Protein backbone atom coordinates (compact mmCIF):
# COMPACT_ATOMS: atom_id res chain seq x y z
CA MET A 1 141.78 -48.26 17.54
CA SER A 2 138.83 -46.02 16.74
CA HIS A 3 138.39 -42.79 18.63
CA HIS A 4 136.01 -39.94 18.92
CA THR A 5 135.55 -37.23 21.49
CA SER A 6 131.94 -36.99 22.51
CA PRO A 7 131.57 -35.60 26.01
CA SER A 8 130.54 -37.69 28.98
CA ALA A 9 127.03 -36.71 29.93
CA THR A 10 127.17 -38.39 33.30
CA GLU A 11 130.46 -37.29 34.84
CA PRO A 12 131.71 -33.73 35.43
CA PRO A 13 135.26 -33.10 34.29
CA PRO A 14 137.68 -33.94 37.12
CA PRO A 15 139.95 -31.18 38.40
CA ARG A 16 143.41 -30.92 36.95
CA ASP A 17 146.21 -32.03 39.20
CA PRO A 18 148.14 -28.87 40.15
CA ASP A 19 151.18 -30.91 41.17
CA ARG A 20 151.45 -32.72 37.84
CA THR A 21 153.92 -31.30 35.33
CA ALA A 22 152.69 -31.71 31.76
CA ALA A 23 154.90 -33.48 29.27
CA PRO A 24 156.46 -31.28 26.59
CA PRO A 25 153.83 -30.42 23.95
CA GLY A 26 154.17 -32.52 20.81
CA ALA A 27 156.57 -35.01 22.41
CA GLY A 28 156.04 -38.62 21.42
CA HIS A 29 155.32 -41.32 23.97
CA PRO A 30 158.31 -43.47 25.04
CA ARG A 31 158.53 -46.79 23.18
CA VAL A 32 159.08 -50.29 24.51
CA ARG A 33 161.65 -50.86 21.74
CA GLU A 34 164.05 -48.35 23.31
CA PRO A 35 167.01 -50.56 24.35
CA VAL A 36 167.07 -49.54 28.02
CA VAL A 37 163.30 -49.73 28.34
CA PHE A 38 163.14 -53.14 26.65
CA VAL A 39 165.82 -54.63 28.91
CA VAL A 40 164.14 -53.24 32.04
CA LEU A 41 160.72 -54.52 30.95
CA ALA A 42 162.06 -57.98 30.08
CA ALA A 43 163.87 -58.32 33.41
CA LEU A 44 160.87 -57.10 35.43
CA SER A 45 158.56 -59.42 33.48
CA VAL A 46 160.62 -62.47 34.44
CA VAL A 47 160.57 -61.34 38.09
CA GLY A 48 156.81 -60.83 37.98
CA ALA A 49 156.17 -64.18 36.30
CA VAL A 50 158.22 -66.02 38.94
CA ILE A 51 156.47 -64.17 41.79
CA GLY A 52 153.05 -64.93 40.33
CA ALA A 53 153.70 -68.62 39.71
CA ASP A 54 155.37 -69.16 43.08
CA LEU A 55 152.64 -67.47 45.13
CA VAL A 56 149.69 -69.12 43.38
CA ALA A 57 151.32 -72.57 43.56
CA LYS A 58 152.52 -72.40 47.17
CA LEU A 59 150.02 -70.07 48.87
CA GLY A 60 147.08 -69.97 46.47
CA ILE A 61 147.18 -66.17 46.21
CA SER A 62 148.10 -63.72 43.47
CA ALA A 63 149.68 -60.32 43.95
CA ASN A 64 149.35 -57.12 41.96
CA THR A 65 153.00 -56.31 41.32
CA SER A 66 152.44 -53.11 39.33
CA VAL A 67 153.43 -50.93 42.28
CA VAL A 68 156.55 -53.05 42.77
CA GLY A 69 157.46 -52.53 39.12
CA ALA A 70 156.89 -48.79 39.35
CA LEU A 71 159.08 -48.52 42.45
CA ILE A 72 161.89 -50.56 40.85
CA ALA A 73 161.71 -48.39 37.72
CA MET A 74 161.96 -45.27 39.90
CA LEU A 75 165.06 -46.63 41.63
CA ILE A 76 166.65 -47.58 38.30
CA GLY A 77 166.06 -44.03 37.04
CA ARG A 78 167.99 -42.66 40.01
CA ILE A 79 171.10 -44.77 39.44
CA PRO A 80 173.85 -42.28 38.47
CA LEU A 81 174.37 -43.66 34.98
CA GLY A 82 173.48 -41.60 31.93
CA ALA A 83 171.89 -44.53 30.10
CA LEU A 84 169.43 -45.12 32.95
CA ARG A 85 168.28 -41.53 33.41
CA SER A 86 165.51 -42.10 30.88
CA MET A 87 163.71 -44.32 33.42
CA ARG A 88 162.91 -41.18 35.43
CA SER A 89 160.09 -40.59 32.97
CA VAL A 90 156.72 -41.38 34.53
CA HIS A 91 155.59 -42.83 31.20
CA ARG A 92 158.49 -45.31 31.09
CA GLN A 93 157.70 -46.24 34.69
CA ASN A 94 154.11 -46.81 33.56
CA LEU A 95 155.38 -49.19 30.88
CA ALA A 96 157.44 -51.00 33.53
CA GLN A 97 154.48 -51.48 35.87
CA SER A 98 152.34 -52.61 32.94
CA ALA A 99 154.84 -55.30 31.95
CA ILE A 100 155.47 -56.74 35.41
CA SER A 101 151.80 -56.84 36.41
CA ALA A 102 150.86 -58.46 33.09
CA ALA A 103 153.52 -61.13 33.65
CA THR A 104 152.36 -61.78 37.21
CA PHE A 105 148.68 -62.22 36.42
CA ALA A 106 149.41 -64.18 33.25
CA SER A 107 151.67 -66.71 34.95
CA ALA A 108 149.52 -67.13 38.07
CA ASN A 109 145.88 -66.71 37.12
CA ALA A 110 145.87 -67.46 33.41
CA LEU A 111 148.52 -70.06 32.58
CA LEU A 112 149.55 -72.09 35.65
CA THR A 113 146.00 -72.34 37.00
CA SER A 114 144.52 -73.39 33.67
CA ILE A 115 147.09 -76.10 32.91
CA ALA A 116 146.69 -77.47 36.43
CA VAL A 117 143.06 -78.44 35.66
CA PRO A 118 143.83 -81.30 33.21
CA TYR A 119 146.84 -82.31 35.35
CA VAL A 120 144.75 -82.75 38.49
CA PHE A 121 142.05 -84.40 36.39
CA GLY A 122 144.61 -87.08 35.56
CA ARG A 123 145.33 -86.14 31.94
CA GLN A 124 148.94 -84.98 32.02
CA ASP A 125 149.07 -85.44 28.25
CA LEU A 126 146.72 -82.47 27.89
CA VAL A 127 148.91 -80.00 29.80
CA TRP A 128 150.81 -78.76 26.75
CA PRO A 129 147.68 -78.41 24.56
CA MET A 130 146.04 -76.58 27.46
CA LEU A 131 149.02 -74.24 27.74
CA ALA A 132 148.72 -73.37 24.05
CA GLY A 133 144.96 -72.82 24.32
CA SER A 134 145.14 -70.75 27.51
CA PHE A 135 147.92 -68.59 26.06
CA ALA A 136 145.76 -67.93 23.00
CA GLY A 137 142.85 -67.04 25.29
CA LEU A 138 145.13 -64.74 27.29
CA LEU A 139 146.20 -62.81 24.19
CA ILE A 140 142.63 -62.45 22.91
CA ASP A 141 141.44 -61.44 26.38
CA THR A 142 143.88 -58.55 26.61
CA TRP A 143 143.33 -57.45 23.02
CA VAL A 144 139.58 -57.07 23.67
CA LEU A 145 140.24 -54.88 26.71
CA TYR A 146 142.78 -52.80 24.80
CA ARG A 147 140.21 -52.16 22.07
CA SER A 148 137.33 -51.53 24.52
CA PHE A 149 138.94 -49.37 27.19
CA GLY A 150 137.56 -45.85 27.10
CA SER A 151 134.05 -46.89 26.00
CA ARG A 152 130.80 -46.37 27.89
CA LEU A 153 130.99 -50.01 28.96
CA LEU A 154 134.56 -49.79 30.29
CA PRO A 155 135.22 -46.05 30.70
CA ALA A 156 138.63 -44.63 31.46
CA ASP A 157 137.07 -42.46 34.18
CA GLY A 158 135.77 -45.58 35.94
CA ALA A 159 137.30 -46.37 39.32
CA TRP A 160 139.84 -49.13 38.42
CA PRO A 161 141.30 -48.71 41.98
CA PRO A 162 144.64 -50.56 41.58
CA GLY A 163 145.31 -48.48 38.46
CA THR A 164 144.70 -45.28 40.39
CA ALA A 165 147.01 -46.58 43.12
CA ALA A 166 149.79 -47.24 40.60
CA ALA A 167 149.40 -43.78 39.03
CA GLU A 168 149.41 -42.01 42.38
CA THR A 169 152.52 -43.95 43.42
CA ILE A 170 154.35 -42.94 40.23
CA LYS A 171 153.26 -39.30 40.50
CA ALA A 172 154.22 -39.08 44.17
CA GLY A 173 157.65 -40.52 43.41
CA ASP A 174 158.06 -38.02 40.58
CA LYS A 175 157.00 -34.93 42.51
CA GLY A 176 157.70 -35.75 46.15
CA GLY A 177 156.46 -33.25 48.73
CA LYS A 178 153.18 -33.66 50.60
CA ARG A 179 151.83 -36.18 48.11
CA ALA A 180 154.78 -38.49 48.71
CA LEU A 181 154.40 -38.19 52.48
CA VAL A 182 150.69 -39.01 52.44
CA LEU A 183 151.18 -41.87 50.01
CA GLY A 184 154.16 -43.20 51.97
CA ALA A 185 152.21 -43.14 55.22
CA GLY A 186 149.32 -45.00 53.60
CA THR A 187 151.75 -47.53 52.14
CA LEU A 188 153.29 -48.23 55.54
CA VAL A 189 149.84 -48.71 57.03
CA GLY A 190 148.95 -51.08 54.18
CA ILE A 191 152.12 -53.14 54.73
CA GLY A 192 151.37 -53.25 58.46
CA GLY A 193 147.86 -54.47 57.71
CA THR A 194 149.29 -57.32 55.61
CA LEU A 195 151.55 -58.36 58.49
CA LEU A 196 148.50 -58.38 60.79
CA SER A 197 146.38 -60.25 58.19
CA LEU A 198 144.10 -57.22 57.80
CA PRO A 199 142.94 -56.65 54.18
CA LEU A 200 143.45 -52.89 54.22
CA SER A 201 143.31 -52.90 50.42
CA ALA A 202 139.55 -53.30 50.95
CA ALA A 203 139.50 -49.94 52.72
CA GLY A 204 141.71 -48.49 50.00
CA VAL A 205 139.33 -49.38 47.19
CA ALA A 206 136.45 -47.92 49.21
CA PHE A 207 138.20 -44.52 48.99
CA LEU A 208 138.52 -44.85 45.19
CA GLY A 209 135.58 -46.77 43.74
CA ASN A 210 131.91 -46.09 43.09
CA VAL A 211 130.17 -45.60 46.46
CA TRP A 212 127.00 -47.53 45.58
CA ALA A 213 128.90 -50.40 43.99
CA LEU A 214 131.20 -50.71 46.98
CA LEU A 215 128.30 -50.43 49.42
CA MET A 216 126.78 -53.54 47.84
CA PHE A 217 130.22 -55.17 47.87
CA GLY A 218 130.49 -54.49 51.60
CA VAL A 219 126.98 -55.81 52.21
CA GLY A 220 127.88 -58.99 50.32
CA LEU A 221 131.07 -59.42 52.35
CA GLY A 222 129.09 -58.99 55.57
CA LEU A 223 126.37 -61.47 54.58
CA ARG A 224 129.01 -64.05 53.71
CA GLU A 225 131.00 -63.58 56.92
CA PHE A 226 128.15 -63.20 59.40
CA GLY A 227 125.36 -65.12 57.64
CA PRO A 228 125.85 -68.26 59.77
CA ASP A 229 125.37 -66.25 62.98
CA LEU A 230 122.60 -63.94 61.77
CA PHE A 231 120.54 -66.31 59.62
CA HIS A 232 121.85 -69.71 60.75
CA THR A 233 122.89 -70.50 57.19
CA ASP A 234 126.07 -70.12 55.17
CA LEU A 235 125.21 -67.93 52.21
CA GLY A 236 128.48 -68.93 50.59
CA ALA A 237 127.42 -72.57 50.38
CA GLY A 238 124.95 -74.31 48.11
CA TYR A 239 125.61 -72.13 45.04
CA VAL A 240 123.66 -69.18 46.52
CA PRO A 241 126.22 -66.50 45.54
CA HIS A 242 126.64 -68.17 42.18
CA GLY A 243 122.90 -67.83 41.60
CA VAL A 244 123.06 -64.13 42.48
CA MET A 245 125.96 -63.74 40.05
CA VAL A 246 124.02 -65.57 37.32
CA GLY A 247 121.09 -63.16 37.62
CA ALA A 248 123.29 -60.09 37.87
CA GLY A 249 125.54 -61.32 35.06
CA VAL A 250 122.64 -61.96 32.68
CA VAL A 251 121.27 -58.47 33.31
CA ALA A 252 124.75 -56.93 32.99
CA LEU A 253 125.15 -58.71 29.68
CA GLY A 254 121.75 -57.43 28.58
CA GLN A 255 122.66 -53.89 29.62
CA ALA A 256 125.83 -54.14 27.55
CA VAL A 257 123.89 -55.41 24.54
CA VAL A 258 121.39 -52.54 24.85
CA MET A 259 124.29 -50.12 24.95
CA LEU A 260 125.84 -51.68 21.86
CA VAL A 261 122.71 -51.69 19.70
CA ARG A 262 121.54 -48.26 20.78
CA ARG A 263 121.92 -45.65 18.06
CA ARG A 264 122.78 -42.27 19.48
CA SER A 265 122.01 -39.15 17.50
CA THR A 266 125.45 -37.79 18.31
CA ALA A 267 127.34 -40.77 16.90
CA ALA A 268 129.44 -40.27 13.81
CA PRO A 269 128.39 -42.23 10.70
CA ASP A 270 131.87 -43.75 10.57
CA SER A 271 133.61 -44.50 13.85
CA THR A 272 136.99 -43.95 12.25
CA GLY A 273 136.19 -40.35 11.46
CA PRO A 274 135.59 -37.34 13.72
CA ALA A 275 132.44 -37.28 15.82
CA ALA A 276 130.01 -34.40 16.04
CA PRO A 277 129.45 -33.84 19.77
CA GLU A 278 126.47 -31.93 21.03
CA ALA A 279 128.72 -29.46 22.77
CA PRO A 280 132.47 -29.12 23.18
CA ALA A 281 133.89 -31.12 26.06
CA ALA A 282 135.28 -28.99 28.86
CA ASP A 283 138.01 -31.58 29.32
CA PRO A 284 138.67 -33.89 26.34
CA THR A 285 140.21 -36.53 28.61
CA THR A 286 136.76 -37.20 30.11
CA ALA A 287 135.29 -38.05 26.70
CA TYR A 288 134.57 -41.59 25.57
CA THR A 289 137.37 -42.46 23.16
CA VAL A 290 135.67 -45.63 21.87
CA ASP A 291 132.14 -45.25 20.53
CA GLU A 292 129.42 -47.90 20.53
CA ARG A 293 130.11 -48.96 16.95
CA ALA A 294 133.82 -49.49 17.60
CA LEU A 295 133.03 -51.30 20.85
CA ARG A 296 130.52 -53.56 19.11
CA ARG A 297 133.04 -54.38 16.40
CA SER A 298 135.74 -55.19 18.97
CA LEU A 299 133.47 -57.54 20.93
CA VAL A 300 132.30 -59.33 17.78
CA ARG A 301 135.89 -59.76 16.63
CA GLY A 302 136.83 -60.89 20.13
CA TYR A 303 134.16 -63.59 20.02
CA ALA A 304 135.40 -64.73 16.61
CA LEU A 305 138.95 -64.92 17.95
CA PHE A 306 137.78 -66.89 20.99
CA VAL A 307 136.10 -69.31 18.58
CA ALA A 308 139.42 -69.70 16.75
CA GLY A 309 141.21 -70.25 20.06
CA ALA A 310 138.67 -72.91 21.07
CA VAL A 311 139.17 -74.66 17.71
CA LEU A 312 142.92 -74.65 18.31
CA LEU A 313 142.42 -76.19 21.76
CA ALA A 314 139.99 -78.78 20.39
CA VAL A 315 142.47 -79.86 17.71
CA LEU A 316 145.49 -80.00 20.05
CA GLY A 317 143.46 -81.66 22.80
CA GLY A 318 142.20 -84.43 20.55
CA LEU A 319 138.53 -83.57 20.91
CA ILE A 320 137.86 -84.09 17.20
CA GLY A 321 138.02 -87.85 17.66
CA ASP A 322 136.14 -87.87 20.96
CA MET A 323 133.06 -85.81 20.08
CA SER A 324 130.47 -85.84 17.32
CA PRO A 325 130.71 -83.05 14.73
CA LEU A 326 127.59 -81.34 16.12
CA GLY A 327 128.80 -81.71 19.69
CA LEU A 328 132.20 -80.31 18.78
CA VAL A 329 130.64 -77.24 17.11
CA GLY A 330 128.48 -76.69 20.18
CA TRP A 331 131.51 -77.03 22.46
CA VAL A 332 133.50 -74.47 20.45
CA LEU A 333 130.68 -71.92 20.37
CA PHE A 334 129.89 -72.38 24.08
CA ALA A 335 133.57 -72.12 25.06
CA ALA A 336 133.94 -68.87 23.11
CA PHE A 337 130.73 -67.43 24.59
CA ALA A 338 131.80 -68.38 28.13
CA ALA A 339 135.24 -66.82 27.63
CA LEU A 340 133.77 -63.52 26.38
CA VAL A 341 131.09 -63.26 29.08
CA HIS A 342 133.59 -64.27 31.77
CA GLU A 343 136.02 -61.51 30.86
CA LEU A 344 133.27 -58.86 30.69
CA ILE A 345 131.76 -59.69 34.09
CA VAL A 346 135.20 -59.95 35.69
CA GLY A 347 136.21 -56.65 34.06
CA LEU A 348 133.10 -54.82 35.27
CA ALA A 349 133.64 -56.02 38.84
CA ALA A 350 137.33 -55.14 38.72
CA MET A 351 136.56 -51.67 37.36
CA GLN A 352 134.30 -50.87 40.28
CA SER A 353 136.08 -52.55 43.18
CA GLY A 354 139.55 -53.79 42.25
CA TRP A 355 138.40 -57.35 43.06
CA PHE A 356 137.56 -59.79 40.30
CA PRO A 357 135.37 -62.90 40.81
CA SER A 358 137.11 -65.03 38.19
CA PHE A 359 136.83 -68.27 40.14
CA ALA A 360 133.10 -67.88 40.71
CA VAL A 361 132.17 -67.00 37.14
CA THR A 362 134.29 -69.86 35.78
CA LEU A 363 132.56 -72.21 38.23
CA ILE A 364 129.18 -71.01 36.94
CA PHE A 365 130.06 -72.07 33.41
CA LEU A 366 131.43 -75.33 34.78
CA VAL A 367 128.06 -75.99 36.45
CA PHE A 368 126.22 -75.13 33.23
CA GLY A 369 128.53 -77.51 31.35
CA LEU A 370 127.63 -80.31 33.76
CA LEU A 371 123.93 -79.52 33.49
CA ILE A 372 123.91 -79.70 29.70
CA GLY A 373 125.96 -82.90 29.72
CA ILE A 374 129.37 -81.92 28.31
CA PRO A 375 131.71 -84.95 28.68
CA SER A 376 134.34 -84.71 31.38
CA VAL A 377 137.51 -84.28 29.28
CA PRO A 378 136.06 -81.57 26.98
CA LEU A 379 134.60 -79.91 30.09
CA ALA A 380 138.00 -79.87 31.83
CA LEU A 381 139.56 -78.22 28.78
CA LEU A 382 136.69 -75.72 28.56
CA VAL A 383 137.15 -74.74 32.20
CA GLY A 384 140.89 -74.25 31.70
CA TYR A 385 140.24 -72.11 28.63
CA VAL A 386 137.64 -69.93 30.33
CA SER A 387 139.73 -69.49 33.50
CA ALA A 388 142.59 -68.11 31.37
CA THR A 389 140.44 -65.11 30.46
CA GLY A 390 139.36 -62.38 32.86
CA PRO A 391 142.28 -61.72 35.24
CA ALA A 392 144.55 -60.29 32.52
CA PHE A 393 141.53 -58.38 31.17
CA ALA A 394 141.10 -56.71 34.57
CA ASP A 395 144.83 -56.14 34.98
CA MET A 396 145.10 -54.43 31.59
CA GLY A 397 142.25 -52.16 32.68
CA TYR A 398 144.20 -51.20 35.80
CA ASP A 399 147.33 -50.47 33.77
CA LEU A 400 145.53 -48.40 31.12
CA LYS A 401 143.80 -46.45 33.90
CA ALA A 402 147.20 -45.64 35.40
CA GLY A 403 148.51 -44.54 32.01
CA TRP A 404 145.39 -42.44 31.37
CA LEU A 405 145.92 -40.58 34.66
CA LEU A 406 149.60 -39.99 33.90
CA ARG A 407 149.00 -38.81 30.32
CA ARG A 408 145.98 -36.58 30.82
CA ASP A 409 147.93 -33.31 31.06
CA HIS A 410 149.83 -33.80 27.80
CA GLN A 411 149.00 -31.48 24.91
CA PRO A 412 147.80 -32.51 22.39
CA TRP A 413 146.20 -35.22 24.49
CA ASP A 414 144.37 -37.56 22.11
CA PRO A 415 147.25 -38.77 19.88
CA PHE A 416 149.52 -39.08 22.91
CA GLU A 417 146.89 -41.15 24.72
CA ARG A 418 146.45 -43.46 21.72
CA GLU A 419 150.19 -43.94 21.41
CA GLY A 420 150.55 -44.55 25.14
CA ARG A 421 147.87 -47.25 25.17
CA ARG A 422 149.51 -48.98 22.23
CA GLU A 423 152.90 -49.02 23.97
CA GLN A 424 151.30 -50.34 27.17
CA PHE A 425 149.75 -53.17 25.17
CA ARG A 426 153.16 -53.99 23.73
CA ALA A 427 154.64 -53.91 27.25
CA ALA A 428 151.98 -56.40 28.34
CA LEU A 429 152.93 -58.68 25.44
CA ILE A 430 156.52 -58.74 26.75
CA GLY A 431 155.11 -59.73 30.15
CA PHE A 432 153.01 -62.49 28.58
CA ALA A 433 156.01 -63.90 26.70
CA ALA A 434 157.99 -64.04 29.94
CA ALA A 435 155.07 -65.70 31.73
CA LEU A 436 154.78 -68.35 29.01
CA VAL A 437 158.49 -69.23 29.27
CA VAL A 438 158.47 -69.29 33.09
CA VAL A 439 155.38 -71.48 33.33
CA ALA A 440 156.64 -73.83 30.59
CA VAL A 441 159.89 -74.30 32.53
CA LEU A 442 158.51 -74.52 36.09
CA TRP A 443 155.15 -76.32 35.93
CA GLN A 444 156.55 -79.85 36.15
CA SER A 445 158.65 -78.96 39.17
CA TYR A 446 155.67 -77.47 40.99
CA PHE A 447 153.13 -80.15 40.12
CA ARG A 448 155.43 -83.06 40.98
CA GLN A 449 155.76 -81.57 44.48
CA GLY A 450 151.99 -81.35 44.78
CA LEU A 451 152.09 -77.55 44.50
CA VAL A 452 148.92 -76.96 42.51
CA PRO A 453 146.73 -73.81 42.61
CA PRO A 454 143.80 -74.63 44.96
CA VAL A 455 141.14 -73.34 42.55
CA ALA A 456 142.36 -75.79 39.90
CA LYS A 457 141.71 -78.63 42.36
CA VAL A 458 138.15 -77.37 42.87
CA TYR A 459 137.54 -77.23 39.12
CA ALA A 460 138.99 -80.70 38.51
CA ASP A 461 137.14 -82.29 41.45
CA THR A 462 133.86 -80.76 40.30
CA VAL A 463 134.39 -82.11 36.78
CA LYS A 464 135.22 -85.56 38.18
CA HIS A 465 132.45 -85.91 40.74
CA GLY A 466 129.71 -83.67 39.36
CA LEU A 467 127.61 -81.29 41.38
CA GLY A 468 127.34 -83.64 44.32
CA GLU A 469 123.89 -82.45 45.40
CA PRO A 470 120.43 -82.24 43.84
CA GLY A 471 118.58 -79.03 43.11
CA VAL A 472 121.58 -76.98 41.98
CA LEU A 473 119.75 -75.60 38.95
CA ARG A 474 116.76 -74.66 41.11
CA THR A 475 119.05 -72.85 43.58
CA LEU A 476 120.80 -70.97 40.78
CA LEU A 477 117.52 -69.82 39.23
CA LEU A 478 115.93 -68.89 42.56
CA TRP A 479 118.80 -66.69 43.71
CA ALA A 480 119.26 -65.26 40.24
CA ILE A 481 116.06 -63.25 40.78
CA PRO A 482 117.35 -60.88 43.51
CA GLY A 483 120.70 -60.60 41.69
CA ALA A 484 118.93 -59.54 38.50
CA LEU A 485 116.66 -57.04 40.27
CA ILE A 486 119.52 -55.35 42.13
CA GLN A 487 121.57 -55.15 38.92
CA LEU A 488 118.60 -53.55 37.13
CA ILE A 489 118.15 -50.98 39.90
CA GLY A 490 121.84 -50.04 39.94
CA GLY A 491 122.24 -49.70 36.20
CA THR A 492 125.35 -50.06 34.07
CA ARG A 493 127.55 -47.56 35.90
CA ARG A 494 127.05 -48.96 39.39
CA GLN A 495 127.03 -52.73 38.74
CA MET A 496 125.35 -53.26 42.12
CA GLY A 497 124.16 -56.82 41.47
CA VAL A 498 127.56 -57.98 40.24
CA MET A 499 129.23 -56.37 43.25
CA LEU A 500 126.79 -57.94 45.74
CA ALA A 501 127.53 -61.35 44.24
CA THR A 502 131.28 -60.64 44.33
CA GLY A 503 131.06 -59.87 48.04
CA LEU A 504 129.04 -63.04 48.71
CA LEU A 505 131.74 -65.10 47.02
CA ILE A 506 134.61 -63.78 49.15
CA LEU A 507 135.24 -64.93 52.71
CA THR A 508 137.81 -62.47 54.04
CA PRO A 509 137.67 -61.72 57.78
CA HIS A 510 137.12 -58.05 58.66
CA ALA A 511 136.89 -56.94 55.01
CA CYS A 512 133.21 -56.00 55.49
CA PHE A 513 133.97 -53.64 58.37
CA LEU A 514 136.90 -52.08 56.53
CA VAL A 515 134.88 -51.38 53.38
CA LEU A 516 131.84 -49.96 55.17
CA ALA A 517 133.91 -47.92 57.63
CA ALA A 518 135.99 -46.45 54.80
CA LEU A 519 132.81 -45.54 52.89
CA ALA A 520 131.43 -43.80 55.99
CA VAL A 521 134.69 -41.87 56.39
CA ARG A 522 134.62 -40.95 52.72
CA VAL A 523 131.07 -39.59 52.82
CA GLY A 524 131.68 -37.66 56.05
CA TYR A 525 135.04 -36.29 54.93
CA ARG A 526 133.60 -35.09 51.64
CA LYS A 527 130.86 -33.18 53.46
CA TRP A 528 133.52 -31.51 55.56
CA ARG A 529 136.20 -30.84 52.93
CA GLY A 530 134.12 -30.51 49.79
CA PRO A 531 135.49 -31.46 46.34
CA ARG A 532 139.08 -31.46 47.60
CA ALA A 533 138.30 -34.51 49.71
CA ASP A 534 138.37 -36.88 46.76
CA GLU A 535 141.91 -35.97 45.76
CA GLU A 536 143.17 -36.37 49.32
CA LEU A 537 141.37 -39.67 49.89
CA ASN A 538 142.65 -40.96 46.54
CA LEU A 539 146.19 -40.65 47.90
CA VAL A 540 145.29 -42.46 51.12
CA GLY A 541 143.47 -45.21 49.27
CA ALA A 542 146.33 -45.56 46.79
CA GLY A 543 148.79 -45.90 49.66
CA LEU A 544 146.75 -48.63 51.35
CA ILE A 545 146.48 -50.60 48.10
CA ALA A 546 150.17 -50.09 47.32
CA GLY A 547 151.16 -51.28 50.79
CA SER A 548 148.93 -54.35 50.56
CA SER A 549 150.37 -55.16 47.12
CA LEU A 550 153.92 -54.86 48.43
CA GLY A 551 153.03 -57.07 51.38
CA ASP A 552 151.48 -59.70 49.13
CA SER A 553 154.49 -59.69 46.81
CA ALA A 554 156.84 -60.03 49.79
CA GLN A 555 155.10 -63.28 50.71
CA ILE A 556 157.25 -64.99 48.09
CA ILE A 557 159.88 -65.04 50.88
CA LYS A 558 157.42 -66.95 53.07
CA ALA A 559 156.56 -69.24 50.18
CA GLY A 560 160.22 -69.99 49.63
């Protein structure tokens, strides 16, 4: 992974955490291959994979189990056995939460959902080829994020709210005191909100994310929920939000391309060597650790890998005999492009809000596939492949954000940060392996009972029956215009168009009020308390997200 330390010109260095004890200078980062750590990670990964598969099959929801993993790791570290004392390390707890959350999202959103598409479509013989293709897409998806995290496109100092929540939970458990009390109170409120069907995680992310991005998210949520009463039309129907996402997504992609091709005078001639910053960074942890050249190389390699994954799926799925050579080449290139764009748009939305519109963006490419006339079986496989990317991309961003917050006080920071990211990636691979085994063992049992992820039914039905209404392309293009304009106005850092579309795609009662009210509290509290307000609200927001995550994970009892 290429690194340099040019300072961020847009963000002031955040204050150091006075309650955080720095790791011993020169100490290496804990490794996943340590026997105790490996056993803990493997066990937690199986738990996370089962939770993810069970919830998405029976309730149609997915839970972020990273906080659960962190709490279990904390408890293990306090068992009075010498061999388990090592789990008291916040960095080992970070590895634990990385593994369990990777397993949960992989089993639920990437693997089980994708293989359900050909099953519901009536091609059970394609389930195993789809599992191989979606697992390949999952691995590529996470590798691209691992190589891109810390760039201007996906900066480490971005919001990534669930990652902040996981880090604050681990730090509060490590240090106790006032932080633990505030976080614990927020967690209890979040759990209570889950019991009352109130999405208090929406308020939590409003305390942590970009204000402008979340304002547009709240506006989108409100238009979706109250559009029928205010405008006598359902803005969630008729592909309106999808059109907004198309416009915003095209502009977001263009903004990323501009960033990648831009040559900055401060860039080093070789991204593997040291950079020559304009001025020394006041805090090296706020610097971009992946420059534009390294980011460009990672995305190009990611696209090439997605092409290879699509070829693998085409061979295993028998598409070589069903499509012409030219059609097959077009299918492979389109599938790889859709997978890459899907993960980037989902990642940008997740970075700003903690919500990722994977279903909507996949549906957009499904619609495009229908419009350009891709046959039904290749289209079903393409949709399964694309849907396997994105969620794990976002989840890896959350986990690396948590690790970045936990490692930032270590001296020297840069080599420790590189090593920590690498170990987190390896922890995620353990989670993915567990998810693959769990899904391979359980999918027949679930599907034979009719327990199929609801989004997979939507994909399969759309492939079977087509768009079902005329003028879809016209609607997409018409509503793409405001989405594109808002995305242009907000710029790369705010992602306002993408966030407006994300809000329009989500119908969650009361979420609009919670987001907007929390933003109002945040703005008012900051005026009153000054810079200290952000640190205090981060704890409250982290507690609300942690509580909601625990409540969601506990629903496996209901599902059972």
